[in-house]
Protein backbone atom coordinates (compact mmCIF):
# COMPACT_ATOMS: atom_id res chain seq x y z
CA MET A 1 -20.30 -7.38 12.16
CA THR A 2 -19.13 -5.66 15.32
CA LEU A 3 -15.54 -4.58 15.81
CA ASN A 4 -13.12 -7.49 15.98
CA PRO A 5 -12.16 -8.05 19.68
CA GLN A 6 -8.45 -8.10 18.83
CA VAL A 7 -8.83 -4.79 16.99
CA GLU A 8 -10.82 -3.36 19.89
CA ALA A 9 -7.99 -4.20 22.29
CA LEU A 10 -5.46 -2.57 19.99
CA LEU A 11 -7.57 0.58 19.71
CA GLY A 12 -7.58 0.72 23.51
CA TYR A 13 -3.80 0.80 23.40
CA PHE A 14 -3.81 3.53 20.74
CA ALA A 15 -6.21 5.60 22.88
CA GLN A 16 -3.50 5.97 25.52
CA MET A 17 -1.25 7.88 23.13
CA PRO A 18 -1.25 11.69 23.17
CA PRO A 19 -3.47 13.26 20.50
CA VAL A 20 -1.96 14.98 17.48
CA ASP A 21 -2.93 18.58 16.73
CA LEU A 22 -3.33 18.56 12.96
CA ASN A 23 -3.44 22.35 12.91
CA THR A 24 0.16 22.63 14.06
CA VAL A 25 1.90 19.28 13.58
CA THR A 26 4.73 19.11 11.06
CA ALA A 27 5.63 16.19 8.86
CA ALA A 28 8.82 15.67 10.88
CA GLN A 29 6.83 15.53 14.12
CA MET A 30 4.36 13.11 12.58
CA ARG A 31 7.19 10.82 11.51
CA ALA A 32 8.81 10.96 14.93
CA ALA A 33 5.54 9.85 16.49
CA SER A 34 4.58 7.24 13.92
CA ASP A 35 7.64 5.65 12.37
CA ASN A 36 8.54 3.45 15.33
CA PRO A 37 6.84 0.10 14.74
CA MET A 38 5.74 -1.90 17.75
CA GLN A 39 7.90 -4.95 18.35
CA MET A 40 5.61 -7.88 19.10
CA GLY A 41 8.36 -10.47 18.81
CA PRO A 42 10.65 -11.65 16.05
CA PRO A 43 9.41 -10.84 12.54
CA PRO A 44 8.33 -13.64 10.19
CA ALA A 45 11.38 -15.57 9.03
CA VAL A 46 12.27 -15.59 5.31
CA ALA A 47 15.15 -17.21 3.45
CA SER A 48 17.03 -13.95 2.89
CA VAL A 49 16.76 -10.19 3.26
CA HIS A 50 19.00 -7.78 1.34
CA ASP A 51 19.11 -4.00 1.46
CA VAL A 52 19.41 -2.58 -2.04
CA THR A 53 20.30 0.85 -3.44
CA MET A 54 18.42 1.76 -6.59
CA ASP A 55 20.37 4.16 -8.80
CA LEU A 56 17.72 6.22 -10.57
CA PRO A 57 18.37 8.92 -13.20
CA THR A 58 18.57 11.82 -10.72
CA HIS A 59 18.90 10.25 -7.28
CA THR A 60 19.12 6.99 -5.38
CA LEU A 61 16.44 5.23 -3.34
CA PRO A 62 16.71 2.56 -0.69
CA ALA A 63 14.88 -0.73 -1.10
CA ARG A 64 14.78 -4.08 0.63
CA LEU A 65 14.50 -7.45 -1.10
CA TYR A 66 12.81 -10.37 0.65
CA ILE A 67 13.17 -13.92 -0.65
CA PRO A 68 10.94 -16.57 0.95
CA GLU A 69 11.90 -20.18 1.55
CA GLY A 70 11.36 -22.40 -1.47
CA ALA A 71 11.25 -19.48 -3.92
CA GLY A 72 13.47 -21.22 -6.45
CA ALA A 73 16.18 -19.84 -8.71
CA LYS A 74 14.17 -17.05 -10.42
CA PRO A 75 11.09 -16.21 -8.37
CA PRO A 76 8.47 -13.66 -9.45
CA LEU A 77 8.69 -10.22 -7.89
CA VAL A 78 6.16 -8.06 -6.06
CA VAL A 79 7.21 -4.39 -5.96
CA TYR A 80 5.74 -3.09 -2.70
CA TYR A 81 4.92 0.53 -1.79
CA HIS A 82 4.34 1.22 1.90
CA GLY A 83 1.47 3.24 3.29
CA GLY A 84 1.56 6.32 5.46
CA GLY A 85 -0.31 9.06 3.64
CA TRP A 86 2.68 9.77 1.38
CA VAL A 87 4.20 11.47 4.45
CA ILE A 88 5.10 8.80 7.01
CA GLY A 89 6.04 5.14 6.82
CA THR A 90 9.34 3.53 5.91
CA ILE A 91 10.81 0.25 4.79
CA GLU A 92 11.18 -0.56 8.50
CA THR A 93 7.53 0.10 9.41
CA HIS A 94 6.43 -2.41 6.76
CA ASP A 95 9.18 -4.96 7.24
CA GLY A 96 6.87 -7.53 8.86
CA THR A 97 4.16 -7.01 6.24
CA CYS A 98 6.59 -7.61 3.38
CA ARG A 99 8.01 -10.69 5.06
CA ALA A 100 4.54 -12.12 5.59
CA LEU A 101 3.48 -11.32 2.02
CA ALA A 102 6.63 -12.96 0.62
CA ASN A 103 5.91 -16.12 2.60
CA ALA A 104 2.23 -16.17 1.62
CA SER A 105 2.86 -15.59 -2.09
CA GLY A 106 6.07 -17.55 -2.57
CA ALA A 107 7.36 -14.50 -4.46
CA ALA A 108 10.22 -12.14 -3.82
CA VAL A 109 9.11 -8.77 -2.48
CA LEU A 110 10.98 -5.52 -3.12
CA SER A 111 9.97 -2.82 -0.64
CA VAL A 112 10.62 0.68 -2.01
CA GLY A 113 11.71 3.63 0.14
CA TYR A 114 10.23 6.35 -2.06
CA ARG A 115 10.66 10.03 -1.18
CA LEU A 116 7.95 11.55 0.97
CA ALA A 117 5.71 14.63 0.95
CA PRO A 118 5.61 17.50 1.62
CA GLU A 119 9.36 17.78 0.98
CA VAL A 120 8.79 15.87 -2.27
CA ALA A 121 5.15 16.40 -3.16
CA PHE A 122 3.12 14.93 -6.04
CA PRO A 123 4.19 13.67 -8.52
CA GLY A 124 7.56 12.96 -6.89
CA PRO A 125 6.55 9.89 -4.87
CA LEU A 126 4.70 8.44 -7.87
CA ASP A 127 7.70 9.10 -10.12
CA ASP A 128 9.91 7.27 -7.61
CA CYS A 129 7.58 4.30 -7.46
CA PHE A 130 7.32 3.98 -11.23
CA ASP A 131 11.07 4.41 -11.64
CA ALA A 132 11.57 1.70 -9.02
CA LEU A 133 9.47 -0.69 -11.12
CA LEU A 134 11.55 0.15 -14.21
CA TRP A 135 14.75 -0.34 -12.20
CA ALA A 136 13.62 -3.71 -10.85
CA HIS A 137 12.71 -4.88 -14.35
CA ALA A 138 16.05 -3.73 -15.76
CA HIS A 139 18.02 -5.30 -12.89
CA ALA A 140 16.15 -8.60 -12.76
CA ALA A 141 19.34 -10.61 -13.27
CA THR A 142 21.08 -8.82 -10.41
CA LEU A 143 18.08 -9.27 -8.14
CA GLY A 144 17.76 -12.90 -9.21
CA ILE A 145 14.10 -12.60 -10.16
CA ASP A 146 11.96 -13.34 -13.21
CA ALA A 147 11.41 -10.10 -15.16
CA ALA A 148 8.42 -11.66 -16.91
CA ARG A 149 6.51 -12.17 -13.66
CA LEU A 150 6.02 -8.82 -11.95
CA ALA A 151 3.30 -7.36 -9.75
CA VAL A 152 2.80 -4.18 -7.77
CA ALA A 153 1.28 -3.94 -4.32
CA GLY A 154 0.74 -1.38 -1.60
CA ASP A 155 -1.38 -0.39 1.35
CA SER A 156 -3.30 2.86 1.84
CA ALA A 157 -1.26 5.61 0.14
CA GLY A 158 0.94 2.79 -1.10
CA GLY A 159 -2.14 1.22 -2.65
CA ASN A 160 -2.79 4.52 -4.38
CA LEU A 161 0.78 4.51 -5.69
CA ALA A 162 0.52 0.89 -6.86
CA ALA A 163 -2.70 1.67 -8.75
CA ALA A 164 -1.15 4.78 -10.32
CA VAL A 165 2.00 2.86 -11.28
CA ALA A 166 -0.13 0.21 -13.02
CA ILE A 167 -1.91 2.94 -15.00
CA ARG A 168 1.35 4.65 -15.96
CA ALA A 169 2.92 1.33 -16.97
CA ARG A 170 -0.03 0.73 -19.29
CA ASP A 171 0.11 4.23 -20.76
CA THR A 172 3.87 4.38 -21.31
CA GLY A 173 4.61 0.84 -22.44
CA GLY A 174 6.19 -0.04 -19.11
CA PRO A 175 6.85 -3.55 -17.86
CA ALA A 176 3.91 -5.93 -18.12
CA LEU A 177 2.31 -6.61 -14.75
CA ARG A 178 0.66 -9.86 -13.78
CA HIS A 179 -1.30 -8.39 -10.85
CA GLN A 180 -1.96 -5.37 -8.67
CA LEU A 181 -2.67 -5.91 -4.97
CA LEU A 182 -4.41 -2.85 -3.54
CA ILE A 183 -4.82 -2.89 0.23
CA TYR A 184 -7.34 -0.29 1.48
CA PRO A 185 -6.14 2.05 -1.28
CA VAL A 186 -6.63 5.81 -1.28
CA THR A 187 -8.40 6.60 -4.56
CA ASP A 188 -10.36 9.86 -4.19
CA THR A 189 -10.81 13.11 -2.26
CA ASP A 190 -14.55 12.75 -1.68
CA PHE A 191 -14.88 12.92 2.11
CA SER A 192 -18.68 12.76 2.00
CA ARG A 193 -18.83 9.01 1.34
CA ALA A 194 -20.74 6.91 3.86
CA SER A 195 -17.60 5.21 5.13
CA TYR A 196 -16.13 8.61 6.03
CA VAL A 197 -19.35 9.60 7.79
CA GLU A 198 -19.51 6.31 9.70
CA ASN A 199 -15.82 5.79 10.50
CA GLY A 200 -14.01 9.11 10.12
CA GLY A 201 -14.55 10.57 13.57
CA GLY A 202 -11.29 9.29 14.99
CA ASN A 203 -12.52 6.20 16.83
CA TYR A 204 -11.04 3.73 14.36
CA PHE A 205 -7.38 4.78 14.03
CA LEU A 206 -7.68 6.78 10.78
CA SER A 207 -9.87 9.88 10.71
CA THR A 208 -11.31 12.13 8.03
CA ALA A 209 -9.24 15.05 9.35
CA MET A 210 -6.09 12.95 9.12
CA MET A 211 -6.80 11.98 5.51
CA GLN A 212 -7.41 15.63 4.61
CA TRP A 213 -4.08 16.51 6.23
CA PHE A 214 -2.30 13.79 4.25
CA TRP A 215 -3.86 14.87 0.96
CA ASN A 216 -2.86 18.47 1.66
CA GLN A 217 0.75 17.41 2.20
CA TYR A 218 0.73 15.43 -1.05
CA LEU A 219 -1.19 17.73 -3.41
CA GLY A 220 -1.04 21.08 -1.66
CA ASN A 221 -4.82 21.12 -1.31
CA THR A 222 -7.80 18.77 -1.66
CA THR A 223 -10.17 21.04 -3.56
CA ARG A 224 -9.52 19.77 -7.08
CA ALA A 225 -11.96 17.15 -8.33
CA HIS A 226 -9.33 15.15 -10.20
CA VAL A 227 -5.55 15.06 -10.35
CA GLU A 228 -4.30 12.61 -12.95
CA GLY A 229 -2.09 10.04 -11.23
CA ALA A 230 -3.41 10.88 -7.76
CA THR A 231 -7.20 10.59 -7.61
CA VAL A 232 -7.10 7.32 -9.51
CA LEU A 233 -10.83 6.61 -9.12
CA ASN A 234 -11.55 9.44 -11.54
CA THR A 235 -9.15 8.23 -14.24
CA ALA A 236 -10.99 8.53 -17.56
CA ASP A 237 -9.82 5.19 -18.95
CA LEU A 238 -9.27 2.21 -16.64
CA ALA A 239 -9.36 -0.47 -19.35
CA GLY A 240 -6.46 -2.81 -20.04
CA LEU A 241 -5.03 -2.88 -16.52
CA PRO A 242 -3.60 -5.90 -14.71
CA PRO A 243 -5.96 -8.11 -12.69
CA ALA A 244 -6.53 -6.62 -9.26
CA SER A 245 -7.16 -7.80 -5.73
CA VAL A 246 -8.66 -5.10 -3.51
CA TYR A 247 -8.97 -5.47 0.26
CA VAL A 248 -10.75 -2.93 2.45
CA ALA A 249 -11.85 -2.84 6.08
CA GLN A 250 -15.38 -2.50 7.43
CA TYR A 251 -14.47 0.25 9.91
CA ASP A 252 -12.20 2.27 7.59
CA PRO A 253 -13.00 5.73 6.21
CA LEU A 254 -11.40 4.53 2.95
CA ARG A 255 -13.70 1.52 2.60
CA ASP A 256 -16.12 2.96 0.07
CA GLU A 257 -13.56 4.54 -2.25
CA GLY A 258 -11.66 1.24 -2.34
CA VAL A 259 -14.85 -0.64 -3.25
CA ALA A 260 -15.69 2.06 -5.81
CA TYR A 261 -12.27 1.68 -7.44
CA ALA A 262 -12.66 -2.09 -7.62
CA GLU A 263 -16.06 -1.63 -9.25
CA ALA A 264 -14.67 0.93 -11.72
CA LEU A 265 -11.89 -1.47 -12.68
CA LYS A 266 -14.46 -4.23 -13.17
CA GLN A 267 -16.74 -2.01 -15.25
CA ALA A 268 -13.74 -1.19 -17.48
CA GLY A 269 -13.35 -4.89 -18.25
CA ASN A 270 -10.59 -5.87 -15.85
CA THR A 271 -10.52 -8.98 -13.67
CA VAL A 272 -11.08 -7.89 -10.07
CA THR A 273 -11.70 -9.47 -6.70
CA CYS A 274 -12.74 -7.23 -3.82
CA GLU A 275 -13.29 -8.14 -0.19
CA VAL A 276 -14.47 -6.08 2.76
CA ALA A 277 -12.82 -7.48 5.89
CA PRO A 278 -15.52 -7.55 8.61
CA GLY A 279 -14.63 -6.10 11.98
CA MET A 280 -11.31 -4.68 10.74
CA ILE A 281 -9.91 -1.14 10.70
CA HIS A 282 -7.51 0.75 8.47
CA GLY A 283 -4.01 -0.69 8.69
CA PHE A 284 -5.06 -4.22 9.63
CA PHE A 285 -2.67 -5.88 7.13
CA SER A 286 0.26 -4.45 9.08
CA MET A 287 -1.29 -5.27 12.46
CA PHE A 288 -1.25 -9.05 12.06
CA GLU A 289 1.06 -9.56 15.05
CA ALA A 290 -1.37 -7.77 17.40
CA VAL A 291 -4.43 -8.84 15.38
CA PRO A 292 -3.83 -12.49 14.40
CA ASP A 293 -7.23 -12.61 12.66
CA ALA A 294 -5.75 -10.28 10.03
CA GLY A 295 -3.39 -13.02 8.93
CA VAL A 296 -6.09 -14.77 6.91
CA TYR A 297 -6.22 -11.81 4.52
CA ILE A 298 -2.46 -11.85 3.98
CA ASP A 299 -2.80 -15.54 3.16
CA LYS A 300 -5.61 -14.80 0.70
CA ALA A 301 -3.64 -12.01 -0.96
CA GLY A 302 -0.61 -14.26 -1.18
CA ALA A 303 -2.67 -17.02 -2.81
CA GLN A 304 -3.98 -14.57 -5.40
CA LEU A 305 -0.46 -13.41 -6.24
CA LYS A 306 0.70 -17.02 -6.46
CA ALA A 307 -2.10 -17.81 -8.90
CA ALA A 308 -1.29 -14.73 -10.98
CA PHE A 309 2.35 -15.81 -11.27
CA ALA A 310 1.59 -19.45 -12.12
């Protein structure tokens, strides 16, 4: 399928922005340029939104709890990790996405403001995300959610973190998870895949050079074949993980590694659904206001979460 017309119009808008020199740009400069979400109108309405402070063993983290209409007294909870290459992105940049996912799933959504690289490099962000899951499980009564119905979700680098959290929860006897929703997840450092060759030149929002820059901020370099907890596609044992829904975009450099991770999960005996969204680019889940056609995938993801919690 050709590029979705709504996506094409949005890329035209992006093309007007000044280019970023990845040889000189700092993380602070990248955040200043990227962490200002476009306001396309009022965000999706939910029953309630509460900012939360998570007191972890060595520090605190911000979070935001979304409760949709009709959620009931003790709704299930989706712990959500935002994307942004482990470097950019905030609770605010993904506010609309979390609202929409709460409405589509009927579940509460807890968006986690984990610490970012390079100031806090791997495994710091992953530690934060896992600790946030433990905190949510331990504080279920305070949050008003059902501790027996938990899922993790995330987009891009957040999808990587969600996948890694699910693996760590399995390996350490962490809270049982009903589902993992992985939205165009980062899973590998192989930049030779066909989707990188086809889509990584910078015409479709995310580029190969940008992903290499992000990985370098997170790991320090991208030369190692496997880093346990980071390059999740190369995890030796993927058996016994929660059912997964994986969504990738046709025109995304990350498409093939997301599909490969879904296939690896399936080959390890897990229940997996995987869909390539035709005509879409990286980030489309969070672009639903400018790209209304993306909304169908949020609805599908929400339905899969709802079924997992039933």
